[in-house]
Protein backbone atom coordinates (compact mmCIF):
# COMPACT_ATOMS: atom_id res chain seq x y z
CA UNK A 1 21.39 -15.50 -15.63
CA UNK A 2 20.00 -18.79 -16.95
CA UNK A 3 23.15 -20.62 -15.84
CA UNK A 4 22.84 -19.01 -12.41
CA UNK A 5 19.23 -20.14 -12.08
CA UNK A 6 20.14 -23.69 -13.10
CA UNK A 7 23.03 -23.94 -10.64
CA UNK A 8 20.94 -22.60 -7.74
CA UNK A 9 18.27 -25.26 -8.37
CA UNK A 10 20.87 -27.98 -8.63
CA UNK A 11 22.44 -26.87 -5.36
CA UNK A 12 19.16 -26.82 -3.44
CA UNK A 13 19.31 -28.88 -0.22
CA UNK A 14 17.50 -32.20 -0.17
CA UNK A 15 16.24 -31.91 3.42
CA UNK A 16 15.54 -29.36 6.12
CA UNK A 17 17.04 -29.33 9.58
CA UNK A 18 15.34 -28.62 12.88
CA UNK A 19 17.16 -25.28 12.88
CA UNK A 20 15.52 -24.41 9.54
CA UNK A 21 12.09 -25.27 10.93
CA UNK A 22 12.72 -23.12 14.01
CA UNK A 23 13.93 -20.28 11.78
CA UNK A 24 10.78 -20.53 9.64
CA UNK A 25 8.60 -20.37 12.75
CA UNK A 26 10.55 -17.33 14.00
CA UNK A 27 10.11 -15.57 10.65
CA UNK A 28 6.36 -16.28 10.64
CA UNK A 29 6.04 -14.92 14.19
CA UNK A 30 8.00 -11.77 13.31
CA UNK A 31 5.82 -11.30 10.23
CA UNK A 32 2.62 -11.44 12.29
CA UNK A 33 4.06 -8.91 14.72
CA UNK A 34 5.11 -6.68 11.81
CA UNK A 35 1.63 -6.70 10.26
CA UNK A 36 0.11 -5.92 13.65
CA UNK A 37 2.43 -2.94 14.14
CA UNK A 38 1.88 -1.66 10.57
CA UNK A 39 -1.87 -1.76 11.19
CA UNK A 40 -1.42 1.02 13.74
CA UNK A 41 -0.41 3.52 11.04
CA UNK A 42 -1.52 1.99 7.72
CA UNK A 43 -5.12 0.94 7.13
CA UNK A 44 -5.40 -2.01 4.74
CA UNK A 45 -2.70 -2.58 2.08
CA UNK A 46 -1.71 -5.84 3.79
CA UNK A 47 -0.82 -7.52 0.49
CA UNK A 48 1.38 -4.56 -0.49
CA UNK A 49 3.24 -4.79 2.84
CA UNK A 50 3.63 -8.56 2.39
CA UNK A 51 5.15 -8.06 -1.07
CA UNK A 52 7.55 -5.41 0.26
CA UNK A 53 8.72 -7.83 2.97
CA UNK A 54 9.07 -10.61 0.38
CA UNK A 55 11.23 -8.38 -1.80
CA UNK A 56 13.45 -7.47 1.15
CA UNK A 57 13.88 -11.11 2.21
CA UNK A 58 14.78 -12.06 -1.37
CA UNK A 59 17.35 -9.24 -1.60
CA UNK A 60 15.38 -7.84 -4.52
CA UNK A 61 14.04 -4.37 -5.32
CA UNK A 62 10.51 -3.20 -6.07
CA UNK A 63 8.57 -0.66 -8.07
CA UNK A 64 5.38 0.69 -6.54
CA UNK A 65 2.78 2.13 -8.87
CA UNK A 66 -0.16 4.11 -7.55
CA UNK A 67 -1.79 7.51 -7.70
CA UNK A 68 -0.66 10.20 -5.24
CA UNK A 69 -2.09 10.20 -1.72
CA UNK A 70 -2.12 6.44 -1.04
CA UNK A 71 0.43 6.68 1.81
CA UNK A 72 3.26 5.00 -0.10
CA UNK A 73 5.92 7.14 1.61
CA UNK A 74 4.37 6.63 5.06
CA UNK A 75 4.15 2.89 4.46
CA UNK A 76 7.79 2.59 3.45
CA UNK A 77 9.17 4.84 6.19
CA UNK A 78 7.08 2.97 8.79
CA UNK A 79 8.39 -0.35 7.50
CA UNK A 80 11.95 0.96 7.78
CA UNK A 81 11.38 1.90 11.43
CA UNK A 82 9.87 -1.49 12.23
CA UNK A 83 12.87 -3.22 10.64
CA UNK A 84 15.50 -0.94 12.28
CA UNK A 85 16.72 0.20 8.86
CA UNK A 86 18.15 3.59 7.89
CA UNK A 87 15.61 5.23 5.59
CA UNK A 88 16.46 7.58 2.73
CA UNK A 89 14.00 9.34 0.43
CA UNK A 90 15.17 10.78 -2.90
CA UNK A 91 12.78 12.98 -4.86
CA UNK A 92 13.72 12.36 -8.48
CA UNK A 93 13.53 15.44 -10.70
CA UNK A 94 14.61 16.21 -14.31
CA UNK A 95 17.69 18.13 -13.11
CA UNK A 96 18.98 15.43 -10.73
CA UNK A 97 22.52 14.28 -11.55
CA UNK A 98 24.14 10.92 -10.65
CA UNK A 99 26.46 12.57 -8.10
CA UNK A 100 23.41 14.03 -6.35
CA UNK A 101 22.40 10.53 -5.25
CA UNK A 102 25.70 8.65 -5.09
CA UNK A 103 27.82 11.39 -3.51
CA UNK A 104 30.68 13.57 -4.67
CA UNK A 105 34.26 14.51 -3.82
CA UNK A 106 34.94 17.91 -2.30
CA UNK A 107 38.22 19.76 -1.78
CA UNK A 108 38.93 20.67 1.83
CA UNK A 109 41.93 21.88 3.82
CA UNK A 110 43.56 19.72 6.48
CA UNK A 111 43.93 22.10 9.45
CA UNK A 112 46.81 20.09 10.95
CA UNK A 113 49.04 20.12 7.84
CA UNK A 114 47.60 22.98 5.80
CA UNK A 115 47.35 20.68 2.77
CA UNK A 116 44.29 20.38 0.60
CA UNK A 117 42.79 16.92 0.24
CA UNK A 118 39.82 15.43 -1.55
CA UNK A 119 37.12 13.93 0.65
CA UNK A 120 34.16 11.85 -0.53
CA UNK A 121 30.81 13.02 0.82
CA UNK A 122 28.26 10.20 0.70
CA UNK A 123 24.94 10.85 -1.03
CA UNK A 124 21.45 9.80 0.08
CA UNK A 125 21.96 6.40 -1.56
CA UNK A 126 23.94 5.35 1.51
CA UNK A 127 21.00 4.04 3.52
CA UNK A 128 19.38 0.63 3.97
CA UNK A 129 15.94 1.37 2.53
CA UNK A 130 15.74 3.89 -0.31
CA UNK A 131 12.51 5.43 -1.57
CA UNK A 132 13.24 6.55 -5.14
CA UNK A 133 10.20 8.80 -5.49
CA UNK A 134 8.95 9.20 -9.08
CA UNK A 135 11.91 7.36 -10.54
CA UNK A 136 10.62 8.00 -14.07
CA UNK A 137 11.01 11.77 -13.67
CA UNK A 138 14.81 11.76 -13.77
CA UNK A 139 17.05 11.39 -16.86
CA UNK A 140 18.44 7.98 -17.90
CA UNK A 141 21.95 8.86 -16.66
CA UNK A 142 20.73 9.19 -13.06
CA UNK A 143 18.47 6.16 -13.41
CA UNK A 144 21.49 4.15 -14.58
CA UNK A 145 23.52 5.23 -11.53
CA UNK A 146 20.75 4.01 -9.24
CA UNK A 147 20.36 0.72 -11.11
CA UNK A 148 24.12 0.09 -10.98
CA UNK A 149 24.10 0.55 -7.21
CA UNK A 150 21.11 -1.80 -6.95
CA UNK A 151 22.89 -4.49 -8.94
CA UNK A 152 26.43 -4.19 -7.55
CA UNK A 153 25.77 -2.90 -3.98
CA UNK A 154 28.53 -0.32 -4.21
CA UNK A 155 29.21 3.17 -5.54
CA UNK A 156 32.35 4.17 -7.44
CA UNK A 157 33.73 7.72 -7.35
CA UNK A 158 37.12 8.80 -8.77
CA UNK A 159 38.14 5.15 -9.12
CA UNK A 160 37.38 4.28 -5.50
CA UNK A 161 34.62 1.83 -4.62
CA UNK A 162 32.43 2.52 -1.58
CA UNK A 163 30.29 -0.44 -0.42
CA UNK A 164 26.66 0.11 0.48
CA UNK A 165 25.45 -1.15 3.84
CA UNK A 166 23.42 -4.36 3.84
CA UNK A 167 20.56 -4.90 3.70
CA UNK A 168 20.10 -2.55 0.76
CA UNK A 169 16.56 -2.23 -0.55
CA UNK A 170 15.37 0.19 -3.26
CA UNK A 171 11.70 1.04 -3.78
CA UNK A 172 10.98 3.11 -6.86
CA UNK A 173 7.58 4.78 -7.25
CA UNK A 174 5.78 5.71 -10.45
CA UNK A 175 2.66 7.77 -11.03
CA UNK A 176 0.45 5.91 -13.56
CA UNK A 177 -1.74 8.90 -14.47
CA UNK A 178 0.94 11.38 -15.51
CA UNK A 179 3.43 10.79 -18.34
CA UNK A 180 4.35 14.32 -19.43
CA UNK A 181 7.99 15.16 -18.82
CA UNK A 182 8.93 11.63 -17.76
CA UNK A 183 11.69 9.21 -18.75
CA UNK A 184 10.05 5.76 -18.63
CA UNK A 185 12.40 2.94 -17.64
CA UNK A 186 13.18 0.65 -20.61
CA UNK A 187 12.09 -2.98 -20.33
CA UNK A 188 15.70 -4.10 -19.78
CA UNK A 189 15.93 -1.83 -16.72
CA UNK A 190 12.49 -2.74 -15.41
CA UNK A 191 13.66 -6.35 -15.45
CA UNK A 192 16.16 -5.42 -12.71
CA UNK A 193 13.28 -4.92 -10.29
CA UNK A 194 12.04 -8.12 -8.72
CA UNK A 195 8.45 -6.98 -8.15
CA UNK A 196 6.13 -4.36 -9.57
CA UNK A 197 3.52 -3.69 -6.89
CA UNK A 198 0.27 -1.92 -7.62
CA UNK A 199 -1.10 0.22 -4.78
CA UNK A 200 -4.86 0.53 -5.21
CA UNK A 201 -7.46 2.76 -3.59
CA UNK A 202 -8.74 1.59 -0.18
CA UNK A 203 -12.24 0.19 0.29
CA UNK A 204 -15.05 2.39 1.60
CA UNK A 205 -14.69 1.14 5.18
CA UNK A 206 -10.91 1.46 5.04
CA UNK A 207 -11.15 5.02 3.73
CA UNK A 208 -13.51 5.97 6.57
CA UNK A 209 -11.00 4.52 9.06
CA UNK A 210 -8.18 6.46 7.35
CA UNK A 211 -10.13 9.73 7.54
CA UNK A 212 -10.89 9.21 11.24
CA UNK A 213 -7.43 8.00 12.30
CA UNK A 214 -5.47 10.72 10.48
CA UNK A 215 -7.58 13.57 11.84
CA UNK A 216 -7.54 12.39 15.45
CA UNK A 217 -4.81 12.07 18.03
CA UNK A 218 -1.38 10.83 16.99
CA UNK A 219 -0.44 7.20 17.48
CA UNK A 220 2.36 6.03 19.73
CA UNK A 221 5.79 5.46 18.23
CA UNK A 222 6.29 2.18 16.39
CA UNK A 223 8.43 -0.41 18.13
CA UNK A 224 11.09 -2.18 16.01
CA UNK A 225 10.29 -5.80 15.24
CA UNK A 226 13.61 -6.93 13.74
CA UNK A 227 17.24 -5.82 13.63
CA UNK A 228 19.51 -5.54 10.59
CA UNK A 229 21.40 -8.67 11.64
CA UNK A 230 18.16 -10.66 11.91
CA UNK A 231 17.05 -9.51 8.45
CA UNK A 232 20.35 -10.59 6.91
CA UNK A 233 20.04 -13.95 8.65
CA UNK A 234 16.49 -14.36 7.31
CA UNK A 235 17.72 -13.59 3.80
CA UNK A 236 20.03 -16.58 4.13
CA UNK A 237 17.20 -18.77 5.47
CA UNK A 238 15.13 -17.97 2.36
CA UNK A 239 17.78 -19.63 0.20
CA UNK A 240 17.44 -22.85 2.24
CA UNK A 241 13.69 -23.24 1.69
CA UNK A 242 12.98 -26.33 -0.41
CA UNK A 243 11.52 -26.26 -3.92
CA UNK A 244 10.34 -29.58 -5.33
CA UNK A 245 11.26 -30.11 -8.97
CA UNK A 246 7.60 -30.18 -10.16
CA UNK A 247 7.01 -26.79 -8.47
CA UNK A 248 10.16 -25.37 -10.07
CA UNK A 249 9.05 -26.81 -13.41
CA UNK A 250 5.65 -25.09 -13.05
CA UNK A 251 7.36 -21.73 -12.42
CA UNK A 252 9.61 -22.16 -15.46
CA UNK A 253 6.71 -23.29 -17.67
CA UNK A 254 4.72 -20.25 -16.53
CA UNK A 255 7.52 -17.94 -17.63
CA UNK A 256 8.15 -19.74 -20.91
CA UNK A 257 4.42 -19.62 -21.70
CA UNK A 258 4.59 -15.79 -21.88
CA UNK A 259 6.80 -15.80 -24.98
CA UNK A 260 4.81 -15.15 -28.17
CA UNK A 261 7.58 -16.42 -30.44
CA UNK A 262 7.00 -19.98 -29.18
CA UNK A 263 4.28 -21.46 -31.37
CA UNK A 264 3.48 -24.06 -28.70
CA UNK A 265 2.16 -21.33 -26.39
CA UNK A 266 -1.55 -20.42 -26.18
CA UNK A 267 -3.04 -18.35 -28.97
CA UNK A 268 -3.99 -15.45 -26.69
CA UNK A 269 -0.29 -14.98 -25.79
CA UNK A 270 0.62 -14.41 -29.44
CA UNK A 271 -2.52 -12.28 -29.85
CA UNK A 272 -1.79 -9.84 -27.01
CA UNK A 273 1.97 -9.86 -26.35
CA UNK A 274 5.00 -8.77 -28.35
CA UNK A 275 7.55 -9.83 -25.74
CA UNK A 276 7.61 -12.27 -22.85
CA UNK A 277 9.60 -12.71 -19.65
CA UNK A 278 13.20 -13.94 -19.47
CA UNK A 279 15.08 -16.32 -17.15
CA UNK A 280 15.38 -13.67 -14.40
CA UNK A 281 11.60 -14.02 -13.94
CA UNK A 282 12.09 -17.73 -13.14
CA UNK A 283 14.53 -16.82 -10.39
CA UNK A 284 12.16 -14.18 -9.01
CA UNK A 285 9.23 -16.62 -8.95
CA UNK A 286 11.19 -19.24 -7.03
CA UNK A 287 12.74 -16.78 -4.57
CA UNK A 288 9.39 -15.05 -4.04
CA UNK A 289 7.74 -18.42 -3.49
CA UNK A 290 10.42 -19.37 -0.96
CA UNK A 291 9.98 -16.13 0.97
CA UNK A 292 6.18 -16.47 1.03
CA UNK A 293 6.45 -20.03 2.34
CA UNK A 294 8.79 -18.76 5.05
CA UNK A 295 6.37 -16.01 6.11
CA UNK A 296 3.77 -18.76 6.49
CA UNK A 297 6.12 -20.82 8.68
CA UNK A 298 6.78 -23.45 6.01
CA UNK A 299 10.07 -24.76 4.64
CA UNK A 300 8.78 -25.92 1.26
CA UNK A 301 7.25 -24.03 -1.66
CA UNK A 302 3.83 -24.80 -3.10
CA UNK A 303 2.37 -23.93 -6.49
CA UNK A 304 0.04 -21.50 -4.71
CA UNK A 305 3.13 -19.59 -3.55
CA UNK A 306 4.27 -19.30 -7.15
CA UNK A 307 0.83 -18.09 -8.23
CA UNK A 308 0.76 -15.50 -5.42
CA UNK A 309 3.90 -13.78 -6.71
CA UNK A 310 3.17 -14.31 -10.43
CA UNK A 311 1.60 -10.89 -11.07
CA UNK A 312 4.20 -8.72 -9.28
CA UNK A 313 6.99 -10.74 -10.91
CA UNK A 314 5.61 -10.81 -14.47
CA UNK A 315 3.47 -7.68 -14.97
CA UNK A 316 6.44 -5.40 -15.77
CA UNK A 317 8.27 -8.03 -17.80
CA UNK A 318 5.53 -8.53 -20.41
CA UNK A 319 5.08 -6.14 -23.33
CA UNK A 320 1.56 -5.87 -24.74
CA UNK A 321 0.83 -5.00 -28.37
CA UNK A 322 -1.63 -2.64 -30.04
CA UNK A 323 -4.36 -5.30 -30.04
CA UNK A 324 -4.20 -5.58 -26.25
CA UNK A 325 -4.27 -1.81 -25.84
CA UNK A 326 -7.23 -1.42 -28.20
CA UNK A 327 -9.17 -4.10 -26.29
CA UNK A 328 -8.12 -2.66 -22.91
CA UNK A 329 -6.28 -5.87 -21.99
CA UNK A 330 -3.53 -5.40 -19.36
CA UNK A 331 -0.61 -7.65 -18.52
CA UNK A 332 -2.50 -8.61 -15.34
CA UNK A 333 -5.38 -9.89 -17.49
CA UNK A 334 -2.96 -11.97 -19.55
CA UNK A 335 -1.34 -13.42 -16.42
CA UNK A 336 -4.74 -14.28 -14.92
CA UNK A 337 -5.77 -16.17 -18.04
CA UNK A 338 -2.42 -17.93 -18.24
CA UNK A 339 -2.66 -19.11 -14.63
CA UNK A 340 -6.18 -20.44 -15.30
CA UNK A 341 -5.14 -22.36 -18.41
CA UNK A 342 -1.67 -23.61 -17.51
CA UNK A 343 -1.87 -27.11 -15.98
CA UNK A 344 0.05 -27.78 -12.77
CA UNK A 345 1.77 -30.78 -14.31
CA UNK A 346 3.27 -30.89 -17.80
């Protein structure tokens, strides 16, 4: 992965074309329209929606963490409608098997010949946007099947590979207040998710609006903002957004500063962390920064873009120790302090 990150930086274009500028403006306009449409069914949570769109544009996957009842399913299904994507929801349970999500072969009789043949029946994974509800409630074998599909964009059954339609976007949800009977994802598997997004409670005013809007008349149907082809094109535009070397260096230094084994890093890192982020976090920071610049109509990444995506990129890639837990220090607290102390220039 480190070699991949290095080659992508080396291959970055040195200038933008007028077509790139027009594409950035089109993306920013579509984003504004998307937020406006989402506001008709979802009150608040604008930053969560922005991060979901960033993940989709970067061809990454996300984990959403929040207590029940915060409209995570409604938010994701509404986003799928606005983006003209096929939506699939999988409720993960302890008895769910890999074939239950990927699909299975069945034996059926060909009425024309009378012969019996095997036919592959696609599972719910064959959609564009997948909500993997309570992903930590299913055994590791099923989690691994999902993660393999996320990484390779295809499913294999009986030696035959079946490609998944693009764009393919997986959103796993986790309940932070209930751990009994769960199979937490190991750090190596969490690293496969680009973002970990926290869905918090709404404000007082927002909750009043939610109570009024959900107990009144139904809203009109949402109108699609983008097509699948446009999303795929935007994913390519993200790769053409410029990253100046000092900005890339800041992102890499931010990741390297999370590693407690490096004695040059701040004391609080060694005090609170047992493990830091790897090279995949550098890639996620740069891609997330590119996508955020694009949503703002820009074709170059700023350090503020890197800081905006720092928490969702890093919070699930850092492992705190007993000292942090005893002092009630979270990975978000560590990231906040690191951003305050890390200079923009080396």
